[in-house]
Amino acid sequence: MFYAEDAPAGGSNIYTILMFVLLGLVFYFLLIRPQNKRRRETAAMQSKLGIGDEVQTVGGLFGVVTDVDEQAVTIEASPGIELRFAPGAIARVITKVSTEEEEEEETEAVDDAADNSDAAKTIEKG
């Protein structure tokens, strides 16, 4: 006889959409963004490989880079044994041989840090 009229259900649709948007943001910030950052760092590391760098491959082989070109990296695994790998197979650089440019940048960074530390001491003394 008397039926209660249902309230409009428009609000539940907004909450559902909001929940999916928040879920997408969580996936982006917890999964996708860090993965892209690691991929960029790895690509930068692989592009900066130089002769004399000690590296580890994805398969776990340790060696010293003896030659680098666009398509391959040659690694000396032990004296007299050289292996060629695709640049993507290099997982990490263990020790990097510094070049003159890198040494100049490090010297400039140390000089800048020394200049800034004097300013910081002056500010602290007030």
C-alpha atoms as a PDB file:
ATOM      1  CA  MET A   1       0.000   0.000   0.000  1.00  0.00           C
ATOM      2  CA  PHE A   2       2.347   2.646   1.198  1.00  0.00           C
ATOM      3  CA  TYR A   3       5.718   2.336  -0.385  1.00  0.00           C
ATOM      4  CA  ALA A   4       8.641   4.431   0.709  1.00  0.00           C
ATOM      5  CA  GLU A   5      10.183   6.274  -2.143  1.00  0.00           C
ATOM      6  CA  ASP A   6      13.850   5.516  -2.656  1.00  0.00           C
ATOM      7  CA  ALA A   7      16.279   8.388  -2.330  1.00  0.00           C
ATOM      8  CA  PRO A   8      18.072   9.349  -5.505  1.00  0.00           C
ATOM      9  CA  ALA A   9      21.236   7.275  -5.911  1.00  0.00           C
ATOM     10  CA  GLY A  10      23.290   9.963  -7.671  1.00  0.00           C
ATOM     11  CA  GLY A  11      25.805  10.291  -4.831  1.00  0.00           C
ATOM     12  CA  SER A  12      26.988   6.682  -5.003  1.00  0.00           C
ATOM     13  CA  ASN A  13      28.093   7.122  -8.630  1.00  0.00           C
ATOM     14  CA  ILE A  14      30.357  10.014  -7.651  1.00  0.00           C
ATOM     15  CA  TYR A  15      31.954   7.977  -4.873  1.00  0.00           C
ATOM     16  CA  THR A  16      32.566   5.071  -7.240  1.00  0.00           C
ATOM     17  CA  ILE A  17      34.256   7.298  -9.795  1.00  0.00           C
ATOM     18  CA  LEU A  18      36.298   8.996  -7.074  1.00  0.00           C
ATOM     19  CA  MET A  19      37.391   5.592  -5.755  1.00  0.00           C
ATOM     20  CA  PHE A  20      38.641   4.526  -9.210  1.00  0.00           C
ATOM     21  CA  VAL A  21      40.498   7.813  -9.681  1.00  0.00           C
ATOM     22  CA  LEU A  22      42.194   7.455  -6.284  1.00  0.00           C
ATOM     23  CA  LEU A  23      43.072   3.832  -7.043  1.00  0.00           C
ATOM     24  CA  GLY A  24      44.651   4.932 -10.335  1.00  0.00           C
ATOM     25  CA  LEU A  25      46.695   7.612  -8.560  1.00  0.00           C
ATOM     26  CA  VAL A  26      47.908   5.097  -5.976  1.00  0.00           C
ATOM     27  CA  PHE A  27      49.030   2.720  -8.746  1.00  0.00           C
ATOM     28  CA  TYR A  28      50.785   5.555 -10.540  1.00  0.00           C
ATOM     29  CA  PHE A  29      52.722   6.816  -7.525  1.00  0.00           C
ATOM     30  CA  LEU A  30      53.555   3.386  -6.043  1.00  0.00           C
ATOM     31  CA  LEU A  31      54.234   1.316  -9.161  1.00  0.00           C
ATOM     32  CA  ILE A  32      54.517   3.169 -12.449  1.00  0.00           C
ATOM     33  CA  ARG A  33      56.473   6.292 -11.454  1.00  0.00           C
ATOM     34  CA  PRO A  34      59.278   4.479  -9.542  1.00  0.00           C
ATOM     35  CA  GLN A  35      59.636   1.961 -12.372  1.00  0.00           C
ATOM     36  CA  ASN A  36      60.029   4.754 -14.942  1.00  0.00           C
ATOM     37  CA  LYS A  37      62.613   6.455 -12.717  1.00  0.00           C
ATOM     38  CA  ARG A  38      64.663   3.242 -12.424  1.00  0.00           C
ATOM     39  CA  ARG A  39      64.459   2.728 -16.198  1.00  0.00           C
ATOM     40  CA  ARG A  40      65.757   6.279 -16.842  1.00  0.00           C
ATOM     41  CA  GLU A  41      68.600   5.827 -14.320  1.00  0.00           C
ATOM     42  CA  THR A  42      69.601   2.506 -15.896  1.00  0.00           C
ATOM     43  CA  ALA A  43      69.551   3.979 -19.411  1.00  0.00           C
ATOM     44  CA  ALA A  44      71.700   6.910 -18.247  1.00  0.00           C
ATOM     45  CA  MET A  45      74.169   4.540 -16.572  1.00  0.00           C
ATOM     46  CA  GLN A  46      74.408   2.389 -19.691  1.00  0.00           C
ATOM     47  CA  SER A  47      74.970   5.394 -21.928  1.00  0.00           C
ATOM     48  CA  LYS A  48      77.850   6.619 -19.727  1.00  0.00           C
ATOM     49  CA  LEU A  49      79.821   3.342 -19.796  1.00  0.00           C
ATOM     50  CA  GLY A  50      83.485   3.917 -20.403  1.00  0.00           C
ATOM     51  CA  ILE A  51      86.611   1.874 -20.946  1.00  0.00           C
ATOM     52  CA  GLY A  52      88.050   0.681 -17.647  1.00  0.00           C
ATOM     53  CA  ASP A  53      84.735   0.621 -15.753  1.00  0.00           C
ATOM     54  CA  GLU A  54      84.167  -2.511 -13.683  1.00  0.00           C
ATOM     55  CA  VAL A  55      80.626  -3.740 -14.367  1.00  0.00           C
ATOM     56  CA  GLN A  56      78.206  -6.521 -13.531  1.00  0.00           C
ATOM     57  CA  THR A  57      75.899  -7.971 -16.171  1.00  0.00           C
ATOM     58  CA  VAL A  58      72.290  -8.980 -15.674  1.00  0.00           C
ATOM     59  CA  GLY A  59      73.474 -12.604 -15.590  1.00  0.00           C
ATOM     60  CA  GLY A  60      75.920 -11.881 -12.761  1.00  0.00           C
ATOM     61  CA  LEU A  61      79.179 -11.794 -14.738  1.00  0.00           C
ATOM     62  CA  PHE A  62      81.758  -9.319 -13.424  1.00  0.00           C
ATOM     63  CA  GLY A  63      84.322  -7.778 -15.730  1.00  0.00           C
ATOM     64  CA  VAL A  64      86.103  -4.671 -16.963  1.00  0.00           C
ATOM     65  CA  VAL A  65      84.881  -2.761 -20.015  1.00  0.00           C
ATOM     66  CA  THR A  66      87.481  -2.820 -22.782  1.00  0.00           C
ATOM     67  CA  ASP A  67      85.450  -1.405 -25.685  1.00  0.00           C
ATOM     68  CA  VAL A  68      82.140   0.409 -26.101  1.00  0.00           C
ATOM     69  CA  ASP A  69      80.215   1.052 -29.300  1.00  0.00           C
ATOM     70  CA  GLU A  70      76.572   1.664 -30.172  1.00  0.00           C
ATOM     71  CA  GLN A  71      75.590  -1.987 -30.442  1.00  0.00           C
ATOM     72  CA  ALA A  72      77.873  -3.820 -28.020  1.00  0.00           C
ATOM     73  CA  VAL A  73      80.014  -3.541 -24.922  1.00  0.00           C
ATOM     74  CA  THR A  74      83.134  -5.703 -24.745  1.00  0.00           C
ATOM     75  CA  ILE A  75      83.981  -6.941 -21.255  1.00  0.00           C
ATOM     76  CA  GLU A  76      87.166  -8.652 -20.148  1.00  0.00           C
ATOM     77  CA  ALA A  77      85.975 -11.318 -17.696  1.00  0.00           C
ATOM     78  CA  SER A  78      89.472 -12.604 -16.950  1.00  0.00           C
ATOM     79  CA  PRO A  79      92.877 -11.961 -18.532  1.00  0.00           C
ATOM     80  CA  GLY A  80      92.628 -12.810 -22.231  1.00  0.00           C
ATOM     81  CA  ILE A  81      88.887 -13.598 -22.208  1.00  0.00           C
ATOM     82  CA  GLU A  82      86.726 -10.903 -23.757  1.00  0.00           C
ATOM     83  CA  LEU A  83      82.954 -11.178 -24.119  1.00  0.00           C
ATOM     84  CA  ARG A  84      80.571  -8.949 -26.065  1.00  0.00           C
ATOM     85  CA  PHE A  85      77.244  -7.920 -24.559  1.00  0.00           C
ATOM     86  CA  ALA A  86      74.400  -5.685 -25.604  1.00  0.00           C
ATOM     87  CA  PRO A  87      74.474  -2.454 -23.569  1.00  0.00           C
ATOM     88  CA  GLY A  88      71.135  -3.439 -22.005  1.00  0.00           C
ATOM     89  CA  ALA A  89      72.793  -6.463 -20.421  1.00  0.00           C
ATOM     90  CA  ILE A  90      74.853  -4.262 -18.083  1.00  0.00           C
ATOM     91  CA  ALA A  91      73.062  -4.229 -14.730  1.00  0.00           C
ATOM     92  CA  ARG A  92      75.328  -1.909 -12.751  1.00  0.00           C
ATOM     93  CA  VAL A  93      78.710  -0.232 -12.647  1.00  0.00           C
ATOM     94  CA  ILE A  94      80.826  -1.422  -9.708  1.00  0.00           C
ATOM     95  CA  THR A  95      83.700   1.043 -10.032  1.00  0.00           C
ATOM     96  CA  LYS A  96      83.875   3.862 -12.517  1.00  0.00           C
ATOM     97  CA  VAL A  97      87.099   5.160 -13.998  1.00  0.00           C
ATOM     98  CA  SER A  98      86.932   8.927 -13.699  1.00  0.00           C
ATOM     99  CA  THR A  99      87.686  11.077 -16.704  1.00  0.00           C
ATOM    100  CA  GLU A 100      89.244  14.527 -16.705  1.00  0.00           C
ATOM    101  CA  GLU A 101      85.825  16.171 -17.170  1.00  0.00           C
ATOM    102  CA  GLU A 102      84.376  14.328 -14.169  1.00  0.00           C
ATOM    103  CA  GLU A 103      87.391  15.269 -12.045  1.00  0.00           C
ATOM    104  CA  GLU A 104      86.907  18.940 -12.974  1.00  0.00           C
ATOM    105  CA  GLU A 105      83.194  18.739 -12.073  1.00  0.00           C
ATOM    106  CA  GLU A 106      84.038  17.121  -8.719  1.00  0.00           C
ATOM    107  CA  THR A 107      86.617  19.828  -7.998  1.00  0.00           C
ATOM    108  CA  GLU A 108      84.076  22.540  -8.829  1.00  0.00           C
ATOM    109  CA  ALA A 109      81.471  20.848  -6.622  1.00  0.00           C
ATOM    110  CA  VAL A 110      83.930  20.712  -3.703  1.00  0.00           C
ATOM    111  CA  ASP A 111      84.803  24.395  -4.219  1.00  0.00           C
ATOM    112  CA  ASP A 112      81.104  25.322  -4.291  1.00  0.00           C
ATOM    113  CA  ALA A 113      80.462  23.287  -1.143  1.00  0.00           C
ATOM    114  CA  ALA A 114      83.343  25.047   0.610  1.00  0.00           C
ATOM    115  CA  ASP A 115      81.976  28.441  -0.423  1.00  0.00           C
ATOM    116  CA  ASN A 116      78.510  27.534   0.781  1.00  0.00           C
ATOM    117  CA  SER A 117      79.763  26.150   4.086  1.00  0.00           C
ATOM    118  CA  ASP A 118      81.416  29.511   4.894  1.00  0.00           C
ATOM    119  CA  ALA A 119      78.126  31.245   4.212  1.00  0.00           C
ATOM    120  CA  ALA A 120      76.279  28.739   6.372  1.00  0.00           C
ATOM    121  CA  LYS A 121      78.732  29.283   9.257  1.00  0.00           C
ATOM    122  CA  THR A 122      78.205  33.045   9.010  1.00  0.00           C
ATOM    123  CA  ILE A 123      74.449  32.610   9.098  1.00  0.00           C
ATOM    124  CA  GLU A 124      74.659  30.264  12.100  1.00  0.00           C
ATOM    125  CA  LYS A 125      76.802  32.757  14.055  1.00  0.00           C
ATOM    126  CA  GLY A 126      74.119  35.346  13.353  1.00  0.00           C
END
